[in-house]
Amino acid sequence: MTAATTIAAAPLSTQDAEALLDAARRAAAAAGVTVAVTVLDAGGHLLAFRRDDRAVLIAGETSTRKAYTALQLNAPTADLVDAVQPGGPFHTLPTALDRPLLFIAGGVPVHRDGRLIGSIGVGGGAPEQDHDFAVEAVRALS
């Protein structure tokens, strides 16, 4: 194998997406929180979505926007909250683009072999809880 040879990471499969969704929902249930969970592939396409029956309706939208934001910026949304505050480097980003970005904790990128392969977003709990549920799901996948 030469230095120019690149080994591609396996893409996020539907089986992976279901495992992420299930792990996040288990973590939320253990905390007594009802949530919505969205899993996107590296291209931003929906692979899995589930909203608990008792989760607030907007949780579906927030989970999807958190997943999209984490994917596009390849960073947990929890790490980006301060960046969009007045004076922050991304202050105008939420209104500069016609994209569904949401800078609230709960979105986490998913990597395999050092490559971005998708993202997960969780909505419905407090932002810190949503972040923890998403991180737990990613940890369970690896």
Protein backbone atom coordinates (compact mmCIF):
# COMPACT_ATOMS: atom_id res chain seq x y z
CA MET A 1 0.00 0.00 0.00
CA THR A 2 1.38 3.40 -0.93
CA ALA A 3 1.01 6.69 0.87
CA ALA A 4 -1.40 7.81 -1.85
CA THR A 5 -3.76 4.92 -1.17
CA THR A 6 -6.76 5.91 0.90
CA ILE A 7 -8.89 3.42 2.76
CA ALA A 8 -12.50 4.54 2.85
CA ALA A 9 -14.39 4.23 6.10
CA ALA A 10 -17.53 2.14 5.92
CA PRO A 11 -20.53 4.46 5.57
CA LEU A 12 -23.18 4.73 8.23
CA SER A 13 -25.60 1.89 7.53
CA THR A 14 -29.28 1.69 8.34
CA GLN A 15 -28.34 -0.92 10.95
CA ASP A 16 -25.89 1.59 12.50
CA ALA A 17 -28.59 4.27 12.39
CA GLU A 18 -31.08 2.05 14.18
CA ALA A 19 -28.45 1.19 16.80
CA LEU A 20 -27.79 4.91 17.38
CA LEU A 21 -31.50 5.64 17.62
CA ASP A 22 -32.10 2.78 20.05
CA ALA A 23 -29.12 3.68 22.26
CA ALA A 24 -30.17 7.34 22.51
CA ARG A 25 -33.75 6.39 23.33
CA ARG A 26 -32.59 3.92 26.01
CA ALA A 27 -30.40 6.60 27.61
CA ALA A 28 -33.30 9.06 27.58
CA ALA A 29 -35.74 6.51 28.98
CA ALA A 30 -33.32 5.68 31.79
CA ALA A 31 -33.34 9.40 32.67
CA GLY A 32 -37.15 9.58 32.41
CA VAL A 33 -37.03 11.91 29.40
CA THR A 34 -39.10 11.58 26.23
CA VAL A 35 -37.21 12.58 23.09
CA ALA A 36 -37.02 12.62 19.34
CA VAL A 37 -33.90 11.23 17.66
CA THR A 38 -32.66 11.89 14.13
CA VAL A 39 -29.77 10.11 12.39
CA LEU A 40 -28.30 11.48 9.15
CA ASP A 41 -25.72 9.95 6.81
CA ALA A 42 -22.63 11.86 5.64
CA GLY A 43 -24.63 13.47 2.83
CA GLY A 44 -27.25 14.80 5.24
CA HIS A 45 -29.87 12.24 4.21
CA LEU A 46 -32.28 10.89 6.82
CA LEU A 47 -31.45 7.33 7.88
CA ALA A 48 -33.57 7.02 11.02
CA PHE A 49 -36.04 9.10 12.99
CA ARG A 50 -38.23 8.42 15.99
CA ARG A 51 -40.24 10.68 18.25
CA ASP A 52 -41.54 9.23 21.49
CA ASP A 53 -45.32 9.52 21.75
CA ARG A 54 -45.12 11.89 24.72
CA ALA A 55 -42.23 14.02 23.42
CA VAL A 56 -43.08 17.62 22.61
CA LEU A 57 -43.84 18.00 18.92
CA ILE A 58 -41.03 20.48 18.28
CA ALA A 59 -38.50 17.85 19.45
CA GLY A 60 -38.71 16.26 16.01
CA GLU A 61 -37.67 19.48 14.32
CA THR A 62 -34.96 20.32 16.84
CA SER A 63 -33.42 16.84 16.71
CA THR A 64 -33.18 17.06 12.92
CA ARG A 65 -31.69 20.56 12.93
CA LYS A 66 -29.18 19.61 15.63
CA ALA A 67 -28.08 16.56 13.60
CA TYR A 68 -27.75 18.70 10.46
CA THR A 69 -25.71 21.37 12.26
CA ALA A 70 -23.36 18.80 13.84
CA LEU A 71 -22.86 17.21 10.42
CA GLN A 72 -22.24 20.42 8.49
CA LEU A 73 -19.76 21.82 11.02
CA ASN A 74 -18.35 18.42 12.07
CA ALA A 75 -18.67 19.37 15.72
CA PRO A 76 -21.02 18.71 18.61
CA THR A 77 -23.60 21.49 18.76
CA ALA A 78 -22.81 21.84 22.48
CA ASP A 79 -19.37 23.11 21.42
CA LEU A 80 -20.87 25.72 19.08
CA VAL A 81 -23.33 27.51 21.35
CA ASP A 82 -20.89 30.28 22.31
CA ALA A 83 -19.71 30.72 18.70
CA VAL A 84 -23.08 32.18 17.64
CA GLN A 85 -23.36 34.63 20.53
CA PRO A 86 -22.80 38.33 19.78
CA GLY A 87 -19.11 38.79 19.08
CA GLY A 88 -18.62 35.07 18.35
CA PRO A 89 -17.04 33.87 15.10
CA PHE A 90 -20.33 32.36 13.84
CA HIS A 91 -22.61 35.12 15.15
CA THR A 92 -24.26 35.74 11.76
CA LEU A 93 -24.20 32.13 10.54
CA PRO A 94 -27.71 31.17 11.72
CA THR A 95 -29.25 33.97 9.64
CA ALA A 96 -26.69 34.12 6.81
CA LEU A 97 -27.61 30.73 5.37
CA ASP A 98 -30.92 29.34 4.22
CA ARG A 99 -30.21 26.09 6.07
CA PRO A 100 -31.79 24.45 9.12
CA LEU A 101 -28.92 25.13 11.54
CA LEU A 102 -29.60 25.01 15.27
CA PHE A 103 -26.94 25.88 17.82
CA ILE A 104 -28.37 24.11 20.86
CA ALA A 105 -26.67 21.13 22.53
CA GLY A 106 -27.89 17.72 21.33
CA GLY A 107 -26.25 17.22 17.92
CA VAL A 108 -23.13 15.06 17.60
CA PRO A 109 -21.14 14.03 14.53
CA VAL A 110 -20.45 10.32 14.01
CA HIS A 111 -16.97 9.25 12.91
CA ARG A 112 -15.53 5.92 11.81
CA ASP A 113 -11.83 5.40 11.25
CA GLY A 114 -11.32 9.13 11.64
CA ARG A 115 -13.85 10.04 8.94
CA LEU A 116 -17.19 11.81 9.29
CA ILE A 117 -19.91 9.30 8.36
CA GLY A 118 -23.04 10.97 9.73
CA SER A 119 -24.59 12.58 12.76
CA ILE A 120 -27.21 12.16 15.45
CA GLY A 121 -29.50 14.77 16.93
CA VAL A 122 -31.60 14.46 20.07
CA GLY A 123 -34.35 16.86 21.12
CA GLY A 124 -36.90 16.90 23.90
CA GLY A 125 -34.86 17.10 27.08
CA ALA A 126 -32.76 19.91 28.47
CA PRO A 127 -29.94 20.68 26.03
CA GLU A 128 -27.31 19.09 28.29
CA GLN A 129 -29.42 15.94 28.57
CA ASP A 130 -29.90 15.78 24.80
CA HIS A 131 -26.14 16.09 24.34
CA ASP A 132 -25.48 13.32 26.85
CA PHE A 133 -28.00 11.00 25.16
CA ALA A 134 -26.41 11.62 21.74
CA VAL A 135 -22.89 11.07 23.08
CA GLU A 136 -24.00 7.87 24.77
CA ALA A 137 -25.45 6.61 21.48
CA VAL A 138 -22.24 7.36 19.56
CA ARG A 139 -20.21 5.69 22.30
CA ALA A 140 -22.44 2.60 22.11
CA LEU A 141 -21.93 2.39 18.34
CA SER A 142 -18.14 2.34 18.64
